[in-house]
């Protein structure tokens, strides 16, 4: 499968897209609330991990953070006429679902080395019922290998606005909340990462769980 071209945009253009998302969302009757944004470093490498409730999540999460973030998205999203064009201009890069994708992992590590912030939706797909699905183990291993600040982000409300099984979205309130960085270690060897995996998995799940998941 040929990978889509990810063009990116100048920082000013990227921030304009984020501004546009906020105002379009408000224009169609939606409400966007954000808290804990100060927990996201203003510069330097970091990974923002989030639950995934809706197609809207990548747009609304990016829209509330005042720095450029690079995000993973399933490769098929790049084929959608408008969404594919938009996400290719806001530093989103493709990952193949349901299979190991070494190129996507290398992309994450290269962008972190260059000082960028990364967004990863740890469930690997949108929720089916609004609840947090088990985080992918490959993602947890990547967090332990990267050794950069990991900021949990909980999105609430976007499932009610546009669940995966519904063709149309309806205006509503979406809340995006960022927590304190998780104390995950940087582990160089595979054996160390495998040993730390259960505790890291618990930590990530607890940080992203909402009232509905408890």
N, C-alpha and C. Protein backbone atom coordinates (compact mmCIF):
# COMPACT_ATOMS: atom_id res chain seq x y z
N UNK A 1 0.85 -1.20 0.00
CA UNK A 1 0.00 0.00 0.00
C UNK A 1 0.88 1.24 0.00
N UNK A 2 0.65 2.14 -0.90
CA UNK A 2 1.42 3.37 -0.97
C UNK A 2 0.98 4.32 0.13
N UNK A 3 1.97 4.88 0.85
CA UNK A 3 1.65 5.78 1.94
C UNK A 3 1.32 7.17 1.42
N UNK A 4 0.32 7.83 2.03
CA UNK A 4 -0.04 9.18 1.60
C UNK A 4 1.07 10.17 1.92
N UNK A 5 1.13 11.20 1.13
CA UNK A 5 2.11 12.26 1.35
C UNK A 5 1.61 13.18 2.45
N UNK A 6 2.46 13.41 3.46
CA UNK A 6 2.12 14.30 4.56
C UNK A 6 2.88 15.60 4.36
N UNK A 7 2.16 16.65 4.00
CA UNK A 7 2.80 17.90 3.62
C UNK A 7 3.17 18.76 4.82
N UNK A 8 2.32 18.78 5.84
CA UNK A 8 2.55 19.70 6.94
C UNK A 8 2.25 21.12 6.50
N UNK A 9 2.48 22.06 7.38
CA UNK A 9 2.21 23.45 7.06
C UNK A 9 3.11 24.32 7.91
N UNK A 10 3.29 25.55 7.49
CA UNK A 10 4.02 26.49 8.33
C UNK A 10 3.27 26.64 9.64
N UNK A 11 4.01 26.96 10.72
CA UNK A 11 3.38 27.06 12.03
C UNK A 11 2.19 28.01 12.02
N UNK A 12 2.34 29.16 11.38
CA UNK A 12 1.25 30.13 11.34
C UNK A 12 0.03 29.54 10.63
N UNK A 13 0.26 28.81 9.56
CA UNK A 13 -0.86 28.20 8.83
C UNK A 13 -1.51 27.11 9.67
N UNK A 14 -0.71 26.31 10.35
CA UNK A 14 -1.22 25.27 11.24
C UNK A 14 -2.11 25.88 12.32
N UNK A 15 -1.64 26.95 12.95
CA UNK A 15 -2.41 27.60 14.01
C UNK A 15 -3.69 28.24 13.44
N UNK A 16 -3.62 28.68 12.18
CA UNK A 16 -4.83 29.20 11.54
C UNK A 16 -5.87 28.09 11.37
N UNK A 17 -5.42 26.89 10.96
CA UNK A 17 -6.35 25.77 10.84
C UNK A 17 -7.00 25.47 12.18
N UNK A 18 -6.21 25.52 13.27
CA UNK A 18 -6.75 25.27 14.61
C UNK A 18 -7.78 26.34 14.99
N UNK A 19 -7.45 27.58 14.68
CA UNK A 19 -8.40 28.68 14.94
C UNK A 19 -9.69 28.46 14.14
N UNK A 20 -9.54 28.03 12.90
CA UNK A 20 -10.69 27.80 12.04
C UNK A 20 -11.57 26.69 12.61
N UNK A 21 -10.96 25.61 13.08
CA UNK A 21 -11.72 24.51 13.66
C UNK A 21 -12.55 25.00 14.85
N UNK A 22 -11.93 25.78 15.73
CA UNK A 22 -12.65 26.28 16.91
C UNK A 22 -13.85 27.12 16.51
N UNK A 23 -13.67 27.99 15.52
CA UNK A 23 -14.74 28.90 15.13
C UNK A 23 -15.83 28.20 14.32
N UNK A 24 -15.46 27.25 13.48
CA UNK A 24 -16.47 26.49 12.75
C UNK A 24 -17.30 25.65 13.72
N UNK A 25 -16.63 25.05 14.71
CA UNK A 25 -17.34 24.24 15.70
C UNK A 25 -18.35 25.10 16.46
N UNK A 26 -17.93 26.30 16.82
CA UNK A 26 -18.83 27.21 17.51
C UNK A 26 -19.96 27.66 16.59
N UNK A 27 -19.65 27.89 15.31
CA UNK A 27 -20.65 28.37 14.35
C UNK A 27 -21.77 27.35 14.15
N UNK A 28 -21.43 26.06 14.17
CA UNK A 28 -22.46 25.04 13.94
C UNK A 28 -23.18 24.66 15.24
N UNK A 29 -22.86 25.36 16.33
CA UNK A 29 -23.58 25.15 17.57
C UNK A 29 -22.88 24.30 18.60
N UNK A 30 -21.62 23.95 18.33
CA UNK A 30 -20.86 23.14 19.27
C UNK A 30 -20.18 23.98 20.34
N UNK A 31 -19.81 23.34 21.42
CA UNK A 31 -19.08 24.01 22.49
C UNK A 31 -17.83 23.19 22.79
N UNK A 32 -16.70 23.87 22.94
CA UNK A 32 -15.42 23.21 23.18
C UNK A 32 -14.82 23.74 24.46
N UNK A 33 -14.59 22.84 25.42
CA UNK A 33 -14.00 23.22 26.70
C UNK A 33 -12.66 22.51 26.87
N UNK A 34 -11.66 23.22 27.36
CA UNK A 34 -10.33 22.64 27.56
C UNK A 34 -9.84 22.97 28.95
N UNK A 35 -9.12 22.03 29.55
CA UNK A 35 -8.51 22.27 30.86
C UNK A 35 -7.18 21.54 30.92
N UNK A 36 -6.27 22.07 31.74
CA UNK A 36 -4.96 21.44 31.92
C UNK A 36 -4.02 21.62 30.76
N UNK A 37 -4.31 22.56 29.86
CA UNK A 37 -3.45 22.77 28.69
C UNK A 37 -2.03 23.13 29.10
N UNK A 38 -1.90 23.73 30.30
CA UNK A 38 -0.57 24.12 30.78
C UNK A 38 0.32 22.90 31.05
N UNK A 39 -0.25 21.71 31.10
CA UNK A 39 0.54 20.50 31.31
C UNK A 39 1.27 20.04 30.05
N UNK A 40 0.89 20.58 28.91
CA UNK A 40 1.57 20.24 27.64
C UNK A 40 2.78 21.17 27.48
N UNK A 41 4.00 20.63 27.42
CA UNK A 41 5.17 21.50 27.25
C UNK A 41 5.04 22.39 26.03
N UNK A 42 5.46 23.63 26.16
CA UNK A 42 5.36 24.58 25.05
C UNK A 42 6.38 24.29 23.95
N UNK A 43 7.42 23.55 24.28
CA UNK A 43 8.43 23.20 23.29
C UNK A 43 9.10 21.90 23.72
N UNK A 44 9.85 21.32 22.82
CA UNK A 44 10.57 20.10 23.13
C UNK A 44 9.74 18.86 22.88
N UNK A 45 10.39 17.70 22.85
CA UNK A 45 9.68 16.45 22.55
C UNK A 45 8.75 16.04 23.68
N UNK A 46 7.60 15.53 23.31
CA UNK A 46 6.63 14.99 24.27
C UNK A 46 5.65 14.14 23.50
N UNK A 47 4.92 13.30 24.24
CA UNK A 47 3.85 12.50 23.64
C UNK A 47 2.56 12.76 24.41
N UNK A 48 1.54 13.18 23.71
CA UNK A 48 0.20 13.31 24.29
C UNK A 48 -0.56 12.03 23.95
N UNK A 49 -1.00 11.32 24.98
CA UNK A 49 -1.78 10.10 24.75
C UNK A 49 -3.24 10.39 25.06
N UNK A 50 -4.15 9.86 24.25
CA UNK A 50 -5.56 10.20 24.41
C UNK A 50 -6.44 8.99 24.15
N UNK A 51 -7.63 9.03 24.73
CA UNK A 51 -8.68 8.11 24.33
C UNK A 51 -9.21 8.57 22.97
N UNK A 52 -10.05 7.73 22.35
CA UNK A 52 -10.51 8.06 20.99
C UNK A 52 -12.00 7.77 20.88
N UNK A 53 -12.81 8.84 20.88
CA UNK A 53 -14.26 8.69 20.87
C UNK A 53 -14.89 8.95 19.51
N UNK A 54 -14.23 9.74 18.64
CA UNK A 54 -14.91 10.21 17.44
C UNK A 54 -13.91 10.66 16.39
N UNK A 55 -14.40 10.75 15.14
CA UNK A 55 -13.61 11.35 14.07
C UNK A 55 -13.16 12.76 14.43
N UNK A 56 -13.91 13.44 15.29
CA UNK A 56 -13.63 14.83 15.62
C UNK A 56 -12.40 15.00 16.52
N UNK A 57 -12.01 13.94 17.20
CA UNK A 57 -10.96 14.05 18.22
C UNK A 57 -9.67 14.71 17.72
N UNK A 58 -9.10 14.27 16.59
CA UNK A 58 -7.85 14.90 16.16
C UNK A 58 -7.99 16.39 15.88
N UNK A 59 -9.13 16.80 15.35
CA UNK A 59 -9.34 18.21 15.05
C UNK A 59 -9.47 19.03 16.34
N UNK A 60 -10.29 18.54 17.28
CA UNK A 60 -10.57 19.33 18.47
C UNK A 60 -9.41 19.31 19.46
N UNK A 61 -8.70 18.19 19.56
CA UNK A 61 -7.54 18.15 20.45
C UNK A 61 -6.47 19.15 19.98
N UNK A 62 -6.14 19.10 18.70
CA UNK A 62 -5.15 20.03 18.15
C UNK A 62 -5.60 21.48 18.34
N UNK A 63 -6.90 21.71 18.23
CA UNK A 63 -7.41 23.08 18.24
C UNK A 63 -7.23 23.79 19.58
N UNK A 64 -7.04 23.03 20.67
CA UNK A 64 -6.95 23.69 21.98
C UNK A 64 -5.53 23.79 22.52
N UNK A 65 -4.55 23.24 21.78
CA UNK A 65 -3.16 23.27 22.25
C UNK A 65 -2.38 24.31 21.45
N UNK A 66 -1.73 25.27 22.11
CA UNK A 66 -1.04 26.35 21.40
C UNK A 66 0.37 25.99 20.94
N UNK A 67 0.56 24.79 20.42
CA UNK A 67 1.82 24.41 19.79
C UNK A 67 1.51 23.37 18.73
N UNK A 68 2.41 23.18 17.82
CA UNK A 68 2.22 22.19 16.76
C UNK A 68 2.36 20.79 17.35
N UNK A 69 1.40 19.94 17.05
CA UNK A 69 1.44 18.54 17.45
C UNK A 69 1.33 17.66 16.21
N UNK A 70 2.10 16.59 16.19
CA UNK A 70 2.06 15.63 15.10
C UNK A 70 1.30 14.41 15.60
N UNK A 71 0.33 13.93 14.83
CA UNK A 71 -0.53 12.84 15.31
C UNK A 71 -0.54 11.66 14.36
N UNK A 72 -0.71 10.48 14.94
CA UNK A 72 -0.96 9.26 14.16
C UNK A 72 -2.43 9.21 13.76
N UNK A 73 -2.70 8.68 12.57
CA UNK A 73 -4.08 8.42 12.15
C UNK A 73 -4.06 7.21 11.23
N UNK A 74 -5.15 6.46 11.23
CA UNK A 74 -5.19 5.28 10.36
C UNK A 74 -5.05 5.70 8.91
N UNK A 75 -4.33 4.92 8.15
CA UNK A 75 -3.98 5.29 6.79
C UNK A 75 -5.20 5.51 5.90
N UNK A 76 -6.32 4.82 6.18
CA UNK A 76 -7.50 4.96 5.34
C UNK A 76 -8.15 6.34 5.46
N UNK A 77 -7.89 7.06 6.56
CA UNK A 77 -8.48 8.39 6.71
C UNK A 77 -7.96 9.36 5.66
N UNK A 78 -6.77 9.11 5.15
CA UNK A 78 -6.19 10.00 4.15
C UNK A 78 -6.90 9.90 2.81
N UNK A 79 -7.75 8.88 2.64
CA UNK A 79 -8.48 8.72 1.38
C UNK A 79 -9.78 9.54 1.37
N UNK A 80 -10.23 10.00 2.53
CA UNK A 80 -11.46 10.79 2.60
C UNK A 80 -11.20 12.16 1.97
N UNK A 81 -12.10 12.64 1.10
CA UNK A 81 -11.84 13.86 0.32
C UNK A 81 -11.42 15.08 1.15
N UNK A 82 -12.25 15.54 2.09
CA UNK A 82 -11.89 16.73 2.85
C UNK A 82 -10.99 16.40 4.03
N UNK A 83 -11.35 15.37 4.80
CA UNK A 83 -10.57 15.02 5.98
C UNK A 83 -9.14 14.66 5.60
N UNK A 84 -8.96 13.92 4.51
CA UNK A 84 -7.61 13.56 4.08
C UNK A 84 -6.77 14.76 3.74
N UNK A 85 -7.37 15.73 3.06
CA UNK A 85 -6.63 16.96 2.72
C UNK A 85 -6.25 17.72 3.98
N UNK A 86 -7.20 17.83 4.92
CA UNK A 86 -6.95 18.63 6.12
C UNK A 86 -5.87 18.00 7.00
N UNK A 87 -6.00 16.71 7.30
CA UNK A 87 -5.05 16.11 8.23
C UNK A 87 -3.65 16.04 7.64
N UNK A 88 -3.55 15.97 6.30
CA UNK A 88 -2.22 15.95 5.70
C UNK A 88 -1.52 17.30 5.80
N UNK A 89 -2.27 18.34 6.15
CA UNK A 89 -1.69 19.67 6.30
C UNK A 89 -1.49 20.06 7.77
N UNK A 90 -1.82 19.18 8.70
CA UNK A 90 -1.59 19.50 10.11
C UNK A 90 -0.71 18.42 10.76
N UNK A 91 0.25 17.92 9.98
CA UNK A 91 1.30 17.05 10.49
C UNK A 91 0.81 15.70 10.98
N UNK A 92 -0.36 15.27 10.53
CA UNK A 92 -0.82 13.93 10.84
C UNK A 92 -0.10 12.94 9.93
N UNK A 93 0.30 11.80 10.48
CA UNK A 93 0.99 10.80 9.65
C UNK A 93 0.30 9.45 9.80
N UNK A 94 0.36 8.61 8.77
CA UNK A 94 -0.45 7.39 8.75
C UNK A 94 0.18 6.23 9.51
N UNK A 95 -0.70 5.38 10.04
CA UNK A 95 -0.29 4.12 10.65
C UNK A 95 -1.26 3.05 10.17
N UNK A 96 -0.75 1.86 9.93
CA UNK A 96 -1.60 0.75 9.52
C UNK A 96 -2.19 0.09 10.77
N UNK A 97 -3.50 -0.05 10.80
CA UNK A 97 -4.16 -0.67 11.95
C UNK A 97 -4.08 -2.18 11.87
N UNK A 98 -4.18 -2.82 13.06
CA UNK A 98 -4.26 -4.27 13.20
C UNK A 98 -3.02 -5.00 12.70
N UNK A 99 -1.91 -4.29 12.59
CA UNK A 99 -0.67 -4.94 12.21
C UNK A 99 0.50 -4.11 12.71
N UNK A 100 1.64 -4.78 12.85
CA UNK A 100 2.84 -4.07 13.28
C UNK A 100 3.28 -3.13 12.17
N UNK A 101 3.57 -1.88 12.51
CA UNK A 101 3.95 -0.88 11.51
C UNK A 101 5.27 -0.23 11.93
N UNK A 102 6.40 -0.87 11.62
CA UNK A 102 7.70 -0.33 12.05
C UNK A 102 7.96 1.06 11.50
N UNK A 103 7.45 1.38 10.32
CA UNK A 103 7.69 2.69 9.75
C UNK A 103 7.03 3.79 10.57
N UNK A 104 5.83 3.52 11.08
CA UNK A 104 5.15 4.50 11.92
C UNK A 104 5.92 4.72 13.22
N UNK A 105 6.47 3.64 13.79
CA UNK A 105 7.27 3.77 15.02
C UNK A 105 8.51 4.60 14.74
N UNK A 106 9.17 4.33 13.63
CA UNK A 106 10.37 5.12 13.29
C UNK A 106 10.02 6.58 13.08
N UNK A 107 8.86 6.83 12.48
CA UNK A 107 8.43 8.22 12.27
C UNK A 107 8.26 8.93 13.61
N UNK A 108 7.64 8.26 14.57
CA UNK A 108 7.45 8.85 15.90
C UNK A 108 8.80 9.18 16.52
N UNK A 109 9.72 8.24 16.51
CA UNK A 109 11.02 8.45 17.16
C UNK A 109 11.82 9.54 16.47
N UNK A 110 11.75 9.60 15.13
CA UNK A 110 12.47 10.66 14.41
C UNK A 110 11.90 12.02 14.75
N UNK A 111 10.59 12.13 14.82
CA UNK A 111 9.98 13.44 15.10
C UNK A 111 10.24 13.86 16.54
N UNK A 112 10.29 12.90 17.44
CA UNK A 112 10.65 13.23 18.82
C UNK A 112 12.10 13.72 18.89
N UNK A 113 12.98 13.06 18.18
CA UNK A 113 14.39 13.48 18.16
C UNK A 113 14.55 14.88 17.61
N UNK A 114 13.63 15.27 16.71
CA UNK A 114 13.66 16.62 16.14
C UNK A 114 13.00 17.65 17.05
N UNK A 115 12.50 17.20 18.22
CA UNK A 115 11.93 18.13 19.19
C UNK A 115 10.44 18.36 19.06
N UNK A 116 9.73 17.51 18.31
CA UNK A 116 8.30 17.72 18.09
C UNK A 116 7.45 17.03 19.15
N UNK A 117 6.20 17.48 19.27
CA UNK A 117 5.21 16.83 20.11
C UNK A 117 4.39 15.86 19.27
N UNK A 118 4.05 14.71 19.83
CA UNK A 118 3.32 13.65 19.14
C UNK A 118 2.01 13.37 19.86
N UNK A 119 0.97 13.07 19.11
CA UNK A 119 -0.30 12.62 19.68
C UNK A 119 -0.55 11.18 19.26
N UNK A 120 -0.86 10.32 20.23
CA UNK A 120 -1.18 8.92 19.95
C UNK A 120 -2.50 8.57 20.64
N UNK A 121 -3.42 7.99 19.89
CA UNK A 121 -4.67 7.49 20.45
C UNK A 121 -4.44 6.03 20.83
N UNK A 122 -4.32 5.78 22.12
CA UNK A 122 -3.77 4.52 22.60
C UNK A 122 -4.66 3.31 22.32
N UNK A 123 -5.96 3.53 22.08
CA UNK A 123 -6.86 2.40 21.80
C UNK A 123 -6.66 1.86 20.38
N UNK A 124 -6.10 2.69 19.50
CA UNK A 124 -5.86 2.26 18.13
C UNK A 124 -7.07 2.38 17.22
N UNK A 125 -8.23 2.70 17.77
CA UNK A 125 -9.44 2.90 16.98
C UNK A 125 -10.46 3.62 17.86
N UNK A 126 -11.54 4.09 17.22
CA UNK A 126 -12.60 4.76 17.98
C UNK A 126 -13.38 3.75 18.83
N UNK A 127 -13.81 4.23 19.99
CA UNK A 127 -14.61 3.39 20.87
C UNK A 127 -15.94 3.02 20.21
N UNK A 128 -16.46 1.85 20.59
CA UNK A 128 -17.75 1.40 20.06
C UNK A 128 -18.91 1.82 20.95
N UNK A 129 -18.62 2.07 22.25
CA UNK A 129 -19.71 2.34 23.18
C UNK A 129 -19.44 3.52 24.12
N UNK A 130 -18.41 4.29 23.83
CA UNK A 130 -18.09 5.43 24.68
C UNK A 130 -17.10 5.10 25.78
N UNK A 131 -16.86 3.82 26.03
CA UNK A 131 -15.92 3.42 27.07
C UNK A 131 -14.49 3.33 26.52
N UNK A 132 -13.54 3.47 27.43
CA UNK A 132 -12.13 3.32 27.06
C UNK A 132 -11.83 1.86 26.76
N UNK A 133 -11.29 1.59 25.58
CA UNK A 133 -10.87 0.25 25.23
C UNK A 133 -9.44 0.02 25.74
N UNK A 134 -9.02 -1.24 25.89
CA UNK A 134 -7.66 -1.51 26.38
C UNK A 134 -6.60 -0.85 25.49
N UNK A 135 -5.66 -0.13 26.06
CA UNK A 135 -4.59 0.46 25.26
C UNK A 135 -3.78 -0.62 24.54
N UNK A 136 -3.30 -0.29 23.35
CA UNK A 136 -2.49 -1.23 22.59
C UNK A 136 -1.12 -1.41 23.26
N UNK A 137 -0.69 -2.64 23.39
CA UNK A 137 0.57 -2.93 24.06
C UNK A 137 1.76 -2.33 23.30
N UNK A 138 1.67 -2.31 21.97
CA UNK A 138 2.75 -1.72 21.18
C UNK A 138 2.94 -0.25 21.49
N UNK A 139 1.84 0.45 21.77
CA UNK A 139 1.92 1.86 22.14
C UNK A 139 2.62 2.03 23.48
N UNK A 140 2.28 1.17 24.45
CA UNK A 140 2.91 1.25 25.77
C UNK A 140 4.41 0.99 25.64
N UNK A 141 4.78 0.03 24.84
CA UNK A 141 6.21 -0.25 24.62
C UNK A 141 6.91 0.95 24.02
N UNK A 142 6.24 1.63 23.10
CA UNK A 142 6.82 2.82 22.48
C UNK A 142 7.01 3.94 23.50
N UNK A 143 6.05 4.13 24.39
CA UNK A 143 6.18 5.15 25.44
C UNK A 143 7.39 4.87 26.32
N UNK A 144 7.60 3.60 26.65
CA UNK A 144 8.73 3.23 27.51
C UNK A 144 10.06 3.37 26.78
N UNK A 145 10.05 3.22 25.48
CA UNK A 145 11.28 3.36 24.69
C UNK A 145 11.62 4.82 24.45
N UNK A 146 10.61 5.66 24.27
CA UNK A 146 10.85 7.05 23.87
C UNK A 146 11.52 7.87 24.96
N UNK A 147 11.08 7.70 26.21
CA UNK A 147 11.70 8.43 27.30
C UNK A 147 11.49 9.93 27.27
N UNK A 148 10.31 10.37 26.83
CA UNK A 148 9.97 11.80 26.81
C UNK A 148 8.74 12.00 27.70
N UNK A 149 8.41 13.26 28.07
CA UNK A 149 7.20 13.48 28.87
C UNK A 149 5.96 12.92 28.17
N UNK A 150 5.15 12.20 28.93
CA UNK A 150 3.92 11.60 28.40
C UNK A 150 2.74 12.26 29.11
N UNK A 151 1.93 13.00 28.36
CA UNK A 151 0.83 13.77 28.93
C UNK A 151 -0.49 13.09 28.59
N UNK A 152 -1.25 12.65 29.60
CA UNK A 152 -2.55 12.03 29.31
C UNK A 152 -3.61 13.07 28.96
N UNK A 153 -4.45 12.75 27.99
CA UNK A 153 -5.53 13.63 27.56
C UNK A 153 -6.83 12.84 27.50
N UNK A 154 -7.83 13.30 28.23
CA UNK A 154 -9.14 12.64 28.25
C UNK A 154 -10.13 13.49 27.46
N UNK A 155 -10.71 12.90 26.41
CA UNK A 155 -11.73 13.57 25.61
C UNK A 155 -13.10 13.03 26.01
N UNK A 156 -14.02 13.90 26.30
CA UNK A 156 -15.37 13.51 26.69
C UNK A 156 -16.38 14.31 25.88
N UNK A 157 -17.43 13.64 25.44
CA UNK A 157 -18.51 14.32 24.71
C UNK A 157 -18.49 14.10 23.22
N UNK A 158 -17.34 13.81 22.64
CA UNK A 158 -17.30 13.67 21.18
C UNK A 158 -17.99 12.39 20.72
N UNK A 159 -18.05 11.38 21.60
CA UNK A 159 -18.81 10.17 21.25
C UNK A 159 -20.29 10.49 21.11
N UNK A 160 -20.81 11.33 22.01
CA UNK A 160 -22.22 11.71 21.93
C UNK A 160 -22.51 12.58 20.72
N UNK A 161 -21.50 13.35 20.31
CA UNK A 161 -21.65 14.25 19.16
C UNK A 161 -21.59 13.48 17.84
N UNK A 162 -20.65 12.52 17.76
CA UNK A 162 -20.49 11.77 16.50
C UNK A 162 -19.91 10.39 16.76
N UNK A 163 -20.72 9.43 17.22
CA UNK A 163 -20.23 8.07 17.43
C UNK A 163 -19.88 7.40 16.10
N UNK A 164 -19.05 6.38 16.16
CA UNK A 164 -18.53 5.76 14.94
C UNK A 164 -19.61 5.11 14.09
N UNK A 165 -20.73 4.73 14.71
CA UNK A 165 -21.78 4.06 13.94
C UNK A 165 -22.83 5.01 13.40
N UNK A 166 -22.64 6.32 13.59
CA UNK A 166 -23.62 7.31 13.14
C UNK A 166 -23.06 8.09 11.96
N UNK A 167 -23.89 8.32 10.93
CA UNK A 167 -23.41 8.99 9.72
C UNK A 167 -23.31 10.50 9.87
N UNK A 168 -24.10 11.08 10.76
CA UNK A 168 -24.11 12.53 10.89
C UNK A 168 -23.75 12.93 12.32
N UNK A 169 -23.08 14.07 12.45
CA UNK A 169 -22.78 14.57 13.79
C UNK A 169 -23.86 15.57 14.20
N UNK A 170 -23.98 15.77 15.50
CA UNK A 170 -24.93 16.74 16.03
C UNK A 170 -24.18 17.63 17.02
N UNK A 171 -24.48 18.91 17.05
CA UNK A 171 -23.76 19.83 17.93
C UNK A 171 -23.88 19.42 19.40
N UNK A 172 -22.84 19.67 20.16
CA UNK A 172 -22.84 19.35 21.58
C UNK A 172 -21.58 19.88 22.22
N UNK A 173 -21.37 19.54 23.46
CA UNK A 173 -20.20 19.99 24.20
C UNK A 173 -19.14 18.90 24.22
N UNK A 174 -17.91 19.27 23.86
CA UNK A 174 -16.77 18.36 23.92
C UNK A 174 -15.76 18.94 24.90
N UNK A 175 -15.31 18.12 25.84
CA UNK A 175 -14.34 18.54 26.84
C UNK A 175 -13.02 17.82 26.61
N UNK A 176 -11.93 18.58 26.58
CA UNK A 176 -10.59 18.04 26.38
C UNK A 176 -9.77 18.40 27.62
N UNK A 177 -9.35 17.38 28.39
CA UNK A 177 -8.67 17.62 29.66
C UNK A 177 -7.28 16.97 29.64
N UNK A 178 -6.27 17.75 29.97
CA UNK A 178 -4.89 17.26 30.00
C UNK A 178 -4.43 17.10 31.44
N UNK A 179 -3.80 15.96 31.73
CA UNK A 179 -3.30 15.70 33.07
C UNK A 179 -1.81 15.96 33.19
N UNK A 180 -1.29 15.75 34.38
CA UNK A 180 0.14 15.89 34.63
C UNK A 180 0.89 14.78 33.90
N UNK A 181 2.15 15.04 33.49
CA UNK A 181 2.94 13.99 32.83
C UNK A 181 3.04 12.73 33.68
N UNK A 182 2.98 11.58 33.04
CA UNK A 182 3.07 10.31 33.74
C UNK A 182 4.53 9.97 34.04
N UNK A 183 4.82 9.40 35.22
CA UNK A 183 6.20 9.06 35.57
C UNK A 183 6.65 7.74 34.95
N UNK A 184 6.69 7.69 33.63
CA UNK A 184 7.12 6.48 32.94
C UNK A 184 8.63 6.53 32.73
N UNK A 185 9.33 5.42 32.96
CA UNK A 185 10.78 5.41 32.79
C UNK A 185 11.17 5.26 31.32
N UNK A 186 12.42 5.60 31.01
CA UNK A 186 12.97 5.32 29.69
C UNK A 186 13.78 4.05 29.79
N UNK A 187 13.38 3.03 29.04
CA UNK A 187 14.01 1.72 29.14
C UNK A 187 14.59 1.33 27.79
N UNK A 188 15.89 1.10 27.77
CA UNK A 188 16.59 0.88 26.51
C UNK A 188 16.42 -0.54 25.98
N UNK A 189 16.33 -1.52 26.87
CA UNK A 189 16.29 -2.91 26.41
C UNK A 189 14.86 -3.43 26.34
N UNK A 190 14.67 -4.36 25.43
CA UNK A 190 13.34 -4.96 25.26
C UNK A 190 12.92 -5.71 26.52
N UNK A 191 13.88 -6.39 27.16
CA UNK A 191 13.56 -7.15 28.37
C UNK A 191 13.05 -6.22 29.48
N UNK A 192 13.69 -5.06 29.63
CA UNK A 192 13.24 -4.10 30.64
C UNK A 192 11.84 -3.58 30.33
N UNK A 193 11.59 -3.30 29.05
CA UNK A 193 10.27 -2.80 28.68
C UNK A 193 9.18 -3.84 28.93
N UNK A 194 9.46 -5.10 28.64
CA UNK A 194 8.47 -6.15 28.86
C UNK A 194 8.19 -6.30 30.36
N UNK A 195 9.22 -6.16 31.19
CA UNK A 195 9.03 -6.28 32.62
C UNK A 195 8.18 -5.13 33.17
N UNK A 196 8.37 -3.94 32.60
CA UNK A 196 7.64 -2.75 33.08
C UNK A 196 6.26 -2.61 32.45
N UNK A 197 5.95 -3.45 31.46
CA UNK A 197 4.72 -3.29 30.68
C UNK A 197 3.44 -3.32 31.53
N UNK A 198 3.24 -4.28 32.42
CA UNK A 198 1.96 -4.32 33.17
C UNK A 198 1.71 -3.05 33.99
N UNK A 199 2.73 -2.55 34.68
CA UNK A 199 2.54 -1.35 35.50
C UNK A 199 2.31 -0.13 34.63
N UNK A 200 3.04 -0.03 33.51
CA UNK A 200 2.85 1.11 32.60
C UNK A 200 1.46 1.07 31.98
N UNK A 201 0.98 -0.12 31.64
CA UNK A 201 -0.36 -0.28 31.08
C UNK A 201 -1.41 0.18 32.09
N UNK A 202 -1.26 -0.23 33.34
CA UNK A 202 -2.20 0.19 34.38
C UNK A 202 -2.19 1.70 34.55
N UNK A 203 -1.00 2.29 34.54
CA UNK A 203 -0.87 3.72 34.73
C UNK A 203 -1.57 4.50 33.60
N UNK A 204 -1.38 4.06 32.36
CA UNK A 204 -2.00 4.72 31.22
C UNK A 204 -3.51 4.56 31.27
N UNK A 205 -3.98 3.35 31.55
CA UNK A 205 -5.43 3.11 31.61
C UNK A 205 -6.08 3.97 32.68
N UNK A 206 -5.47 4.03 33.86
CA UNK A 206 -6.04 4.83 34.95
C UNK A 206 -6.07 6.31 34.60
N UNK A 207 -5.02 6.79 33.91
CA UNK A 207 -4.93 8.22 33.58
C UNK A 207 -5.98 8.63 32.55
N UNK A 208 -6.39 7.70 31.68
CA UNK A 208 -7.33 8.04 30.61
C UNK A 208 -8.76 7.64 30.90
N UNK A 209 -8.98 6.92 32.00
CA UNK A 209 -10.33 6.46 32.34
C UNK A 209 -11.20 7.61 32.79
N UNK A 210 -12.47 7.58 32.37
CA UNK A 210 -13.46 8.54 32.83
C UNK A 210 -14.46 7.87 33.74
N UNK A 211 -15.46 8.60 34.23
CA UNK A 211 -16.46 8.02 35.14
C UNK A 211 -17.17 6.79 34.55
N UNK A 212 -17.38 6.79 33.24
CA UNK A 212 -18.09 5.68 32.60
C UNK A 212 -17.25 4.40 32.62
N UNK A 213 -15.93 4.53 32.75
CA UNK A 213 -15.04 3.37 32.69
C UNK A 213 -14.80 2.74 34.05
N UNK A 214 -15.27 3.40 35.12
CA UNK A 214 -14.95 2.93 36.47
C UNK A 214 -16.11 2.14 37.08
